[in-house]
């Protein structure tokens, strides 16, 4: 289902920049126009990871994934949909992706 482009979370640029500083590649998907689609895809360690940004400064952001995002995550047959709100969460996520299997 298509939707109108939405505005980015206030922490979108900060979190994107941090992923890149940590050596990841990031492609912005926030204006893809697909309901429930995550904000970015992050390349790290030869894998693609779908990531949703949440702004902890807003009630909407603190509420976690919305209905469309939860439905997307349930239907998606690829990897896990990750949600991050802070720089510390980005760092922990990248460290986790880099851990040997």
PDB file of N, CA and C in Angstrom:
ATOM      1  N   UNK A   1       0.842  -1.171   0.000  1.00  0.00           N
ATOM      2  CA  UNK A   1       0.000   0.000   0.000  1.00  0.00           C
ATOM      3  C   UNK A   1       0.889   1.237   0.000  1.00  0.00           C
ATOM      4  N   UNK A   2       0.647   2.127  -0.930  1.00  0.00           N
ATOM      5  CA  UNK A   2       1.407   3.372  -1.007  1.00  0.00           C
ATOM      6  C   UNK A   2       0.876   4.358   0.021  1.00  0.00           C
ATOM      7  N   UNK A   3       1.746   5.230   0.450  1.00  0.00           N
ATOM      8  CA  UNK A   3       1.343   6.302   1.364  1.00  0.00           C
ATOM      9  C   UNK A   3       2.088   7.562   0.972  1.00  0.00           C
ATOM     10  N   UNK A   4       1.614   8.664   1.474  1.00  0.00           N
ATOM     11  CA  UNK A   4       2.288   9.931   1.210  1.00  0.00           C
ATOM     12  C   UNK A   4       3.618   9.941   1.953  1.00  0.00           C
ATOM     13  N   UNK A   5       4.653  10.563   1.381  1.00  0.00           N
ATOM     14  CA  UNK A   5       5.934  10.656   2.090  1.00  0.00           C
ATOM     15  C   UNK A   5       5.743  11.308   3.460  1.00  0.00           C
ATOM     16  N   UNK A   6       6.468  10.811   4.424  1.00  0.00           N
ATOM     17  CA  UNK A   6       6.365  11.348   5.777  1.00  0.00           C
ATOM     18  C   UNK A   6       7.632  12.099   6.132  1.00  0.00           C
ATOM     19  N   UNK A   7       7.532  12.910   7.172  1.00  0.00           N
ATOM     20  CA  UNK A   7       8.737  13.609   7.612  1.00  0.00           C
ATOM     21  C   UNK A   7       9.600  12.659   8.431  1.00  0.00           C
ATOM     22  N   UNK A   8      10.859  12.951   8.464  1.00  0.00           N
ATOM     23  CA  UNK A   8      11.804  12.124   9.210  1.00  0.00           C
ATOM     24  C   UNK A   8      11.731  12.429  10.692  1.00  0.00           C
ATOM     25  N   UNK A   9      12.130  11.438  11.489  1.00  0.00           N
ATOM     26  CA  UNK A   9      12.277  11.669  12.922  1.00  0.00           C
ATOM     27  C   UNK A   9      13.390  12.691  13.134  1.00  0.00           C
ATOM     28  N   UNK A  10      13.314  13.439  14.210  1.00  0.00           N
ATOM     29  CA  UNK A  10      14.313  14.477  14.490  1.00  0.00           C
ATOM     30  C   UNK A  10      15.716  13.887  14.654  1.00  0.00           C
ATOM     31  N   UNK A  11      15.824  12.622  15.044  1.00  0.00           N
ATOM     32  CA  UNK A  11      17.127  11.996  15.243  1.00  0.00           C
ATOM     33  C   UNK A  11      17.598  11.201  14.024  1.00  0.00           C
ATOM     34  N   UNK A  12      16.892  11.274  12.915  1.00  0.00           N
ATOM     35  CA  UNK A  12      17.189  10.493  11.706  1.00  0.00           C
ATOM     36  C   UNK A  12      18.609  10.755  11.199  1.00  0.00           C
ATOM     37  N   UNK A  13      18.967  12.010  11.023  1.00  0.00           N
ATOM     38  CA  UNK A  13      20.285  12.349  10.479  1.00  0.00           C
ATOM     39  C   UNK A  13      21.377  11.933  11.460  1.00  0.00           C
ATOM     40  N   UNK A  14      21.182  12.198  12.730  1.00  0.00           N
ATOM     41  CA  UNK A  14      22.172  11.842  13.752  1.00  0.00           C
ATOM     42  C   UNK A  14      22.443  10.333  13.759  1.00  0.00           C
ATOM     43  N   UNK A  15      21.383   9.533  13.727  1.00  0.00           N
ATOM     44  CA  UNK A  15      21.551   8.083  13.777  1.00  0.00           C
ATOM     45  C   UNK A  15      22.152   7.548  12.475  1.00  0.00           C
ATOM     46  N   UNK A  16      21.731   8.110  11.347  1.00  0.00           N
ATOM     47  CA  UNK A  16      22.313   7.726  10.053  1.00  0.00           C
ATOM     48  C   UNK A  16      23.810   8.023  10.047  1.00  0.00           C
ATOM     49  N   UNK A  17      24.169   9.221  10.475  1.00  0.00           N
ATOM     50  CA  UNK A  17      25.587   9.612  10.517  1.00  0.00           C
ATOM     51  C   UNK A  17      26.396   8.673  11.402  1.00  0.00           C
ATOM     52  N   UNK A  18      25.834   8.269  12.535  1.00  0.00           N
ATOM     53  CA  UNK A  18      26.555   7.386  13.444  1.00  0.00           C
ATOM     54  C   UNK A  18      26.789   6.020  12.799  1.00  0.00           C
ATOM     55  N   UNK A  19      25.779   5.461  12.147  1.00  0.00           N
ATOM     56  CA  UNK A  19      25.983   4.194  11.431  1.00  0.00           C
ATOM     57  C   UNK A  19      27.152   4.334  10.452  1.00  0.00           C
ATOM     58  N   UNK A  20      27.179   5.441   9.716  1.00  0.00           N
ATOM     59  CA  UNK A  20      28.248   5.654   8.733  1.00  0.00           C
ATOM     60  C   UNK A  20      29.610   5.821   9.414  1.00  0.00           C
ATOM     61  N   UNK A  21      29.665   6.536  10.541  1.00  0.00           N
ATOM     62  CA  UNK A  21      30.923   6.704  11.283  1.00  0.00           C
ATOM     63  C   UNK A  21      31.443   5.365  11.784  1.00  0.00           C
ATOM     64  N   UNK A  22      30.535   4.423  12.012  1.00  0.00           N
ATOM     65  CA  UNK A  22      30.908   3.094  12.482  1.00  0.00           C
ATOM     66  C   UNK A  22      31.268   2.162  11.321  1.00  0.00           C
ATOM     67  N   UNK A  23      31.346   2.704  10.110  1.00  0.00           N
ATOM     68  CA  UNK A  23      31.780   1.935   8.955  1.00  0.00           C
ATOM     69  C   UNK A  23      30.686   1.223   8.192  1.00  0.00           C
ATOM     70  N   UNK A  24      29.443   1.543   8.483  1.00  0.00           N
ATOM     71  CA  UNK A  24      28.312   0.938   7.777  1.00  0.00           C
ATOM     72  C   UNK A  24      27.929   1.801   6.576  1.00  0.00           C
ATOM     73  N   UNK A  25      27.261   1.195   5.608  1.00  0.00           N
ATOM     74  CA  UNK A  25      26.638   1.987   4.546  1.00  0.00           C
ATOM     75  C   UNK A  25      25.152   2.087   4.875  1.00  0.00           C
ATOM     76  N   UNK A  26      24.552   3.215   4.507  1.00  0.00           N
ATOM     77  CA  UNK A  26      23.157   3.468   4.846  1.00  0.00           C
ATOM     78  C   UNK A  26      22.429   4.004   3.624  1.00  0.00           C
ATOM     79  N   UNK A  27      21.265   3.422   3.334  1.00  0.00           N
ATOM     80  CA  UNK A  27      20.399   3.938   2.282  1.00  0.00           C
ATOM     81  C   UNK A  27      19.082   4.348   2.916  1.00  0.00           C
ATOM     82  N   UNK A  28      18.707   5.604   2.715  1.00  0.00           N
ATOM     83  CA  UNK A  28      17.481   6.156   3.288  1.00  0.00           C
ATOM     84  C   UNK A  28      16.272   5.624   2.531  1.00  0.00           C
ATOM     85  N   UNK A  29      15.323   5.062   3.265  1.00  0.00           N
ATOM     86  CA  UNK A  29      14.076   4.552   2.693  1.00  0.00           C
ATOM     87  C   UNK A  29      12.864   5.314   3.217  1.00  0.00           C
ATOM     88  N   UNK A  30      13.104   6.373   3.987  1.00  0.00           N
ATOM     89  CA  UNK A  30      12.005   7.042   4.684  1.00  0.00           C
ATOM     90  C   UNK A  30      10.982   7.652   3.749  1.00  0.00           C
ATOM     91  N   UNK A  31      11.348   7.903   2.512  1.00  0.00           N
ATOM     92  CA  UNK A  31      10.399   8.488   1.569  1.00  0.00           C
ATOM     93  C   UNK A  31      10.003   7.508   0.471  1.00  0.00           C
ATOM     94  N   UNK A  32      10.111   6.206   0.771  1.00  0.00           N
ATOM     95  CA  UNK A  32       9.775   5.176  -0.218  1.00  0.00           C
ATOM     96  C   UNK A  32       8.282   5.162  -0.546  1.00  0.00           C
ATOM     97  N   UNK A  33       7.460   5.648   0.365  1.00  0.00           N
ATOM     98  CA  UNK A  33       6.026   5.691   0.111  1.00  0.00           C
ATOM     99  C   UNK A  33       5.333   4.353   0.293  1.00  0.00           C
ATOM    100  N   UNK A  34       5.950   3.436   1.035  1.00  0.00           N
ATOM    101  CA  UNK A  34       5.352   2.132   1.294  1.00  0.00           C
ATOM    102  C   UNK A  34       4.986   2.060   2.770  1.00  0.00           C
ATOM    103  N   UNK A  35       3.737   1.793   3.051  1.00  0.00           N
ATOM    104  CA  UNK A  35       3.248   1.772   4.417  1.00  0.00           C
ATOM    105  C   UNK A  35       3.986   0.745   5.261  1.00  0.00           C
ATOM    106  N   UNK A  36       4.537   1.191   6.394  1.00  0.00           N
ATOM    107  CA  UNK A  36       5.229   0.312   7.315  1.00  0.00           C
ATOM    108  C   UNK A  36       6.685   0.052   6.984  1.00  0.00           C
ATOM    109  N   UNK A  37       7.140   0.505   5.816  1.00  0.00           N
ATOM    110  CA  UNK A  37       8.521   0.261   5.387  1.00  0.00           C
ATOM    111  C   UNK A  37       9.475   0.963   6.342  1.00  0.00           C
ATOM    112  N   UNK A  38      10.614   0.343   6.688  1.00  0.00           N
ATOM    113  CA  UNK A  38      11.546   0.956   7.638  1.00  0.00           C
ATOM    114  C   UNK A  38      12.233   2.200   7.087  1.00  0.00           C
ATOM    115  N   UNK A  39      12.858   2.955   7.981  1.00  0.00           N
ATOM    116  CA  UNK A  39      13.492   4.222   7.607  1.00  0.00           C
ATOM    117  C   UNK A  39      14.743   4.040   6.762  1.00  0.00           C
ATOM    118  N   UNK A  40      15.557   3.018   7.078  1.00  0.00           N
ATOM    119  CA  UNK A  40      16.828   2.837   6.360  1.00  0.00           C
ATOM    120  C   UNK A  40      17.142   1.358   6.207  1.00  0.00           C
ATOM    121  N   UNK A  41      18.009   1.077   5.240  1.00  0.00           N
ATOM    122  CA  UNK A  41      18.661  -0.228   5.168  1.00  0.00           C
ATOM    123  C   UNK A  41      20.137   0.033   5.424  1.00  0.00           C
ATOM    124  N   UNK A  42      20.719  -0.746   6.327  1.00  0.00           N
ATOM    125  CA  UNK A  42      22.101  -0.562   6.745  1.00  0.00           C
ATOM    126  C   UNK A  42      22.911  -1.775   6.294  1.00  0.00           C
ATOM    127  N   UNK A  43      24.004  -1.514   5.573  1.00  0.00           N
ATOM    128  CA  UNK A  43      24.920  -2.577   5.182  1.00  0.00           C
ATOM    129  C   UNK A  43      26.041  -2.675   6.183  1.00  0.00           C
ATOM    130  N   UNK A  44      26.245  -3.877   6.727  1.00  0.00           N
ATOM    131  CA  UNK A  44      27.304  -4.096   7.722  1.00  0.00           C
ATOM    132  C   UNK A  44      27.745  -5.550   7.665  1.00  0.00           C
ATOM    133  N   UNK A  45      29.032  -5.757   7.538  1.00  0.00           N
ATOM    134  CA  UNK A  45      29.595  -7.106   7.557  1.00  0.00           C
ATOM    135  C   UNK A  45      29.001  -7.993   6.458  1.00  0.00           C
ATOM    136  N   UNK A  46      28.747  -7.425   5.290  1.00  0.00           N
ATOM    137  CA  UNK A  46      28.235  -8.191   4.164  1.00  0.00           C
ATOM    138  C   UNK A  46      26.761  -8.529   4.228  1.00  0.00           C
ATOM    139  N   UNK A  47      26.040  -7.934   5.162  1.00  0.00           N
ATOM    140  CA  UNK A  47      24.608  -8.201   5.310  1.00  0.00           C
ATOM    141  C   UNK A  47      23.834  -6.887   5.281  1.00  0.00           C
ATOM    142  N   UNK A  48      22.583  -6.983   4.865  1.00  0.00           N
ATOM    143  CA  UNK A  48      21.675  -5.834   4.853  1.00  0.00           C
ATOM    144  C   UNK A  48      20.730  -5.953   6.035  1.00  0.00           C
ATOM    145  N   UNK A  49      20.532  -4.836   6.747  1.00  0.00           N
ATOM    146  CA  UNK A  49      19.691  -4.820   7.938  1.00  0.00           C
ATOM    147  C   UNK A  49      18.663  -3.699   7.800  1.00  0.00           C
ATOM    148  N   UNK A  50      17.395  -4.012   8.008  1.00  0.00           N
ATOM    149  CA  UNK A  50      16.338  -3.009   7.982  1.00  0.00           C
ATOM    150  C   UNK A  50      16.232  -2.375   9.357  1.00  0.00           C
ATOM    151  N   UNK A  51      16.233  -1.036   9.382  1.00  0.00           N
ATOM    152  CA  UNK A  51      16.240  -0.322  10.663  1.00  0.00           C
ATOM    153  C   UNK A  51      15.185   0.777  10.658  1.00  0.00           C
ATOM    154  N   UNK A  52      14.414   0.814  11.716  1.00  0.00           N
ATOM    155  CA  UNK A  52      13.421   1.857  11.954  1.00  0.00           C
ATOM    156  C   UNK A  52      13.948   2.769  13.057  1.00  0.00           C
ATOM    157  N   UNK A  53      13.913   4.073  12.820  1.00  0.00           N
ATOM    158  CA  UNK A  53      14.322   5.038  13.836  1.00  0.00           C
ATOM    159  C   UNK A  53      13.104   5.477  14.636  1.00  0.00           C
ATOM    160  N   UNK A  54      13.277   5.580  15.939  1.00  0.00           N
ATOM    161  CA  UNK A  54      12.247   6.095  16.837  1.00  0.00           C
ATOM    162  C   UNK A  54      12.857   7.225  17.648  1.00  0.00           C
ATOM    163  N   UNK A  55      12.123   8.303  17.771  1.00  0.00           N
ATOM    164  CA  UNK A  55      12.600   9.469  18.508  1.00  0.00           C
ATOM    165  C   UNK A  55      12.102   9.396  19.951  1.00  0.00           C
ATOM    166  N   UNK A  56      12.989   9.207  20.922  1.00  0.00           N
ATOM    167  CA  UNK A  56      12.560   9.086  22.313  1.00  0.00           C
ATOM    168  C   UNK A  56      12.038  10.395  22.901  1.00  0.00           C
ATOM    169  N   UNK A  57      12.185  11.472  22.166  1.00  0.00           N
ATOM    170  CA  UNK A  57      11.714  12.782  22.652  1.00  0.00           C
ATOM    171  C   UNK A  57      10.226  12.995  22.386  1.00  0.00           C
ATOM    172  N   UNK A  58       9.585  12.106  21.626  1.00  0.00           N
ATOM    173  CA  UNK A  58       8.159  12.268  21.316  1.00  0.00           C
ATOM    174  C   UNK A  58       7.366  11.087  21.857  1.00  0.00           C
ATOM    175  N   UNK A  59       6.122  11.325  22.161  1.00  0.00           N
ATOM    176  CA  UNK A  59       5.238  10.253  22.633  1.00  0.00           C
ATOM    177  C   UNK A  59       5.095   9.180  21.555  1.00  0.00           C
ATOM    178  N   UNK A  60       4.958   9.621  20.301  1.00  0.00           N
ATOM    179  CA  UNK A  60       4.848   8.693  19.172  1.00  0.00           C
ATOM    180  C   UNK A  60       6.086   7.798  19.097  1.00  0.00           C
ATOM    181  N   UNK A  61       7.264   8.389  19.244  1.00  0.00           N
ATOM    182  CA  UNK A  61       8.503   7.623  19.181  1.00  0.00           C
ATOM    183  C   UNK A  61       8.659   6.653  20.333  1.00  0.00           C
ATOM    184  N   UNK A  62       8.266   7.088  21.520  1.00  0.00           N
ATOM    185  CA  UNK A  62       8.377   6.222  22.700  1.00  0.00           C
ATOM    186  C   UNK A  62       7.402   5.048  22.637  1.00  0.00           C
ATOM    187  N   UNK A  63       6.360   5.160  21.824  1.00  0.00           N
ATOM    188  CA  UNK A  63       5.345   4.106  21.737  1.00  0.00           C
ATOM    189  C   UNK A  63       5.848   2.872  20.986  1.00  0.00           C
ATOM    190  N   UNK A  64       6.986   2.976  20.326  1.00  0.00           N
ATOM    191  CA  UNK A  64       7.519   1.829  19.585  1.00  0.00           C
ATOM    192  C   UNK A  64       6.932   1.756  18.186  1.00  0.00           C
ATOM    193  N   UNK A  65       7.001   0.584  17.588  1.00  0.00           N
ATOM    194  CA  UNK A  65       6.513   0.423  16.222  1.00  0.00           C
ATOM    195  C   UNK A  65       5.004   0.656  16.170  1.00  0.00           C
ATOM    196  N   UNK A  66       4.566   1.355  15.126  1.00  0.00           N
ATOM    197  CA  UNK A  66       3.124   1.556  14.961  1.00  0.00           C
ATOM    198  C   UNK A  66       2.521   0.322  14.285  1.00  0.00           C
ATOM    199  N   UNK A  67       1.224   0.313  14.094  1.00  0.00           N
ATOM    200  CA  UNK A  67       0.529  -0.851  13.541  1.00  0.00           C
ATOM    201  C   UNK A  67       1.083  -1.248  12.180  1.00  0.00           C
ATOM    202  N   UNK A  68       1.270  -0.293  11.275  1.00  0.00           N
ATOM    203  CA  UNK A  68       1.792  -0.601   9.942  1.00  0.00           C
ATOM    204  C   UNK A  68       3.196  -1.198  10.015  1.00  0.00           C
ATOM    205  N   UNK A  69       4.022  -0.678  10.894  1.00  0.00           N
ATOM    206  CA  UNK A  69       5.388  -1.181  11.044  1.00  0.00           C
ATOM    207  C   UNK A  69       5.398  -2.589  11.635  1.00  0.00           C
ATOM    208  N   UNK A  70       4.523  -2.845  12.599  1.00  0.00           N
ATOM    209  CA  UNK A  70       4.428  -4.194  13.180  1.00  0.00           C
ATOM    210  C   UNK A  70       3.948  -5.194  12.126  1.00  0.00           C
ATOM    211  N   UNK A  71       2.954  -4.796  11.336  1.00  0.00           N
ATOM    212  CA  UNK A  71       2.448  -5.678  10.281  1.00  0.00           C
ATOM    213  C   UNK A  71       3.523  -5.948   9.240  1.00  0.00           C
ATOM    214  N   UNK A  72       4.291  -4.916   8.866  1.00  0.00           N
ATOM    215  CA  UNK A  72       5.383  -5.117   7.926  1.00  0.00           C
ATOM    216  C   UNK A  72       6.368  -6.148   8.477  1.00  0.00           C
ATOM    217  N   UNK A  73       6.767  -5.975   9.741  1.00  0.00           N
ATOM    218  CA  UNK A  73       7.744  -6.871  10.364  1.00  0.00           C
ATOM    219  C   UNK A  73       7.232  -8.312  10.396  1.00  0.00           C
ATOM    220  N   UNK A  74       5.944  -8.493  10.613  1.00  0.00           N
ATOM    221  CA  UNK A  74       5.370  -9.837  10.649  1.00  0.00           C
ATOM    222  C   UNK A  74       5.324 -10.474   9.256  1.00  0.00           C
ATOM    223  N   UNK A  75       5.065  -9.677   8.224  1.00  0.00           N
ATOM    224  CA  UNK A  75       4.972 -10.190   6.848  1.00  0.00           C
ATOM    225  C   UNK A  75       6.325 -10.392   6.201  1.00  0.00           C
ATOM    226  N   UNK A  76       7.342  -9.653   6.643  1.00  0.00           N
ATOM    227  CA  UNK A  76       8.642  -9.639   5.981  1.00  0.00           C
ATOM    228  C   UNK A  76       9.317 -11.004   6.112  1.00  0.00           C
ATOM    229  N   UNK A  77       9.739 -11.573   4.982  1.00  0.00           N
ATOM    230  CA  UNK A  77      10.371 -12.896   4.969  1.00  0.00           C
ATOM    231  C   UNK A  77      11.897 -12.802   4.921  1.00  0.00           C
ATOM    232  N   UNK A  78      12.402 -11.595   5.061  1.00  0.00           N
ATOM    233  CA  UNK A  78      13.849 -11.393   5.122  1.00  0.00           C
ATOM    234  C   UNK A  78      14.295 -11.348   6.563  1.00  0.00           C
ATOM    235  N   UNK A  79      15.342 -10.568   6.812  1.00  0.00           N
ATOM    236  CA  UNK A  79      15.901 -10.474   8.156  1.00  0.00           C
ATOM    237  C   UNK A  79      15.025  -9.675   9.104  1.00  0.00           C
ATOM    238  N   UNK A  80      15.502  -9.581  10.309  1.00  0.00           N
ATOM    239  CA  UNK A  80      14.822  -8.880  11.396  1.00  0.00           C
ATOM    240  C   UNK A  80      14.714  -7.390  11.118  1.00  0.00           C
ATOM    241  N   UNK A  81      13.614  -6.785  11.530  1.00  0.00           N
ATOM    242  CA  UNK A  81      13.467  -5.333  11.527  1.00  0.00           C
ATOM    243  C   UNK A  81      13.932  -4.837  12.891  1.00  0.00           C
ATOM    244  N   UNK A  82      14.954  -3.983  12.884  1.00  0.00           N
ATOM    245  CA  UNK A  82      15.498  -3.422  14.120  1.00  0.00           C
ATOM    246  C   UNK A  82      14.948  -2.022  14.326  1.00  0.00           C
ATOM    247  N   UNK A  83      14.707  -1.646  15.579  1.00  0.00           N
ATOM    248  CA  UNK A  83      14.294  -0.292  15.919  1.00  0.00           C
ATOM    249  C   UNK A  83      15.325   0.289  16.876  1.00  0.00           C
ATOM    250  N   UNK A  84      15.790   1.500  16.577  1.00  0.00           N
ATOM    251  CA  UNK A  84      16.753   2.179  17.442  1.00  0.00           C
ATOM    252  C   UNK A  84      16.284   3.602  17.713  1.00  0.00           C
ATOM    253  N   UNK A  85      16.628   4.090  18.899  1.00  0.00           N
ATOM    254  CA  UNK A  85      16.231   5.437  19.305  1.00  0.00           C
ATOM    255  C   UNK A  85      17.408   6.332  19.650  1.00  0.00           C
ATOM    256  N   UNK A  86      18.521   5.734  20.024  1.00  0.00           N
ATOM    257  CA  UNK A  86      19.653   6.513  20.531  1.00  0.00           C
ATOM    258  C   UNK A  86      20.959   6.063  19.891  1.00  0.00           C
ATOM    259  N   UNK A  87      21.964   6.903  20.028  1.00  0.00           N
ATOM    260  CA  UNK A  87      23.288   6.558  19.556  1.00  0.00           C
ATOM    261  C   UNK A  87      23.834   5.322  20.249  1.00  0.00           C
ATOM    262  N   UNK A  88      23.577   5.181  21.547  1.00  0.00           N
ATOM    263  CA  UNK A  88      24.033   3.995  22.271  1.00  0.00           C
ATOM    264  C   UNK A  88      23.421   2.725  21.696  1.00  0.00           C
ATOM    265  N   UNK A  89      22.155   2.795  21.288  1.00  0.00           N
ATOM    266  CA  UNK A  89      21.503   1.629  20.684  1.00  0.00           C
ATOM    267  C   UNK A  89      22.117   1.306  19.320  1.00  0.00           C
ATOM    268  N   UNK A  90      22.474   2.335  18.548  1.00  0.00           N
ATOM    269  CA  UNK A  90      23.139   2.115  17.260  1.00  0.00           C
ATOM    270  C   UNK A  90      24.478   1.420  17.489  1.00  0.00           C
ATOM    271  N   UNK A  91      25.260   1.911  18.424  1.00  0.00           N
ATOM    272  CA  UNK A  91      26.570   1.320  18.714  1.00  0.00           C
ATOM    273  C   UNK A  91      26.414  -0.137  19.140  1.00  0.00           C
ATOM    274  N   UNK A  92      25.488  -0.420  20.036  1.00  0.00           N
ATOM    275  CA  UNK A  92      25.270  -1.790  20.509  1.00  0.00           C
ATOM    276  C   UNK A  92      24.824  -2.700  19.367  1.00  0.00           C
ATOM    277  N   UNK A  93      23.966  -2.192  18.491  1.00  0.00           N
ATOM    278  CA  UNK A  93      23.483  -2.985  17.371  1.00  0.00           C
ATOM    279  C   UNK A  93      24.618  -3.342  16.420  1.00  0.00           C
ATOM    280  N   UNK A  94      25.438  -2.363  16.066  1.00  0.00           N
ATOM    281  CA  UNK A  94      26.570  -2.617  15.165  1.00  0.00           C
ATOM    282  C   UNK A  94      27.558  -3.575  15.821  1.00  0.00           C
ATOM    283  N   UNK A  95      27.834  -3.405  17.096  1.00  0.00           N
ATOM    284  CA  UNK A  95      28.723  -4.336  17.798  1.00  0.00           C
ATOM    285  C   UNK A  95      28.151  -5.752  17.752  1.00  0.00           C
ATOM    286  N   UNK A  96      26.856  -5.886  17.916  1.00  0.00           N
ATOM    287  CA  UNK A  96      26.212  -7.193  17.859  1.00  0.00           C
ATOM    288  C   UNK A  96      26.335  -7.808  16.459  1.00  0.00           C
ATOM    289  N   UNK A  97      26.125  -7.004  15.422  1.00  0.00           N
ATOM    290  CA  UNK A  97      26.254  -7.506  14.052  1.00  0.00           C
ATOM    291  C   UNK A  97      27.682  -7.980  13.767  1.00  0.00           C
ATOM    292  N   UNK A  98      28.658  -7.360  14.422  1.00  0.00           N
ATOM    293  CA  UNK A  98      30.060  -7.676  14.166  1.00  0.00           C
ATOM    294  C   UNK A  98      30.586  -8.835  15.014  1.00  0.00           C
ATOM    295  N   UNK A  99      29.802  -9.322  15.941  1.00  0.00           N
ATOM    296  CA  UNK A  99      30.233 -10.458  16.769  1.00  0.00           C
ATOM    297  C   UNK A  99      30.331 -11.701  15.887  1.00  0.00           C
ATOM    298  N   UNK A 100      31.376 -12.493  16.106  1.00  0.00           N
ATOM    299  CA  UNK A 100      31.474 -13.749  15.339  1.00  0.00           C
ATOM    300  C   UNK A 100      30.310 -14.677  15.666  1.00  0.00           C
ATOM    301  N   UNK A 101      29.862 -15.396  14.666  1.00  0.00           N
ATOM    302  CA  UNK A 101      28.725 -16.319  14.858  1.00  0.00           C
ATOM    303  C   UNK A 101      29.109 -17.498  15.723  1.00  0.00           C
TER     304      UNK A 101
END
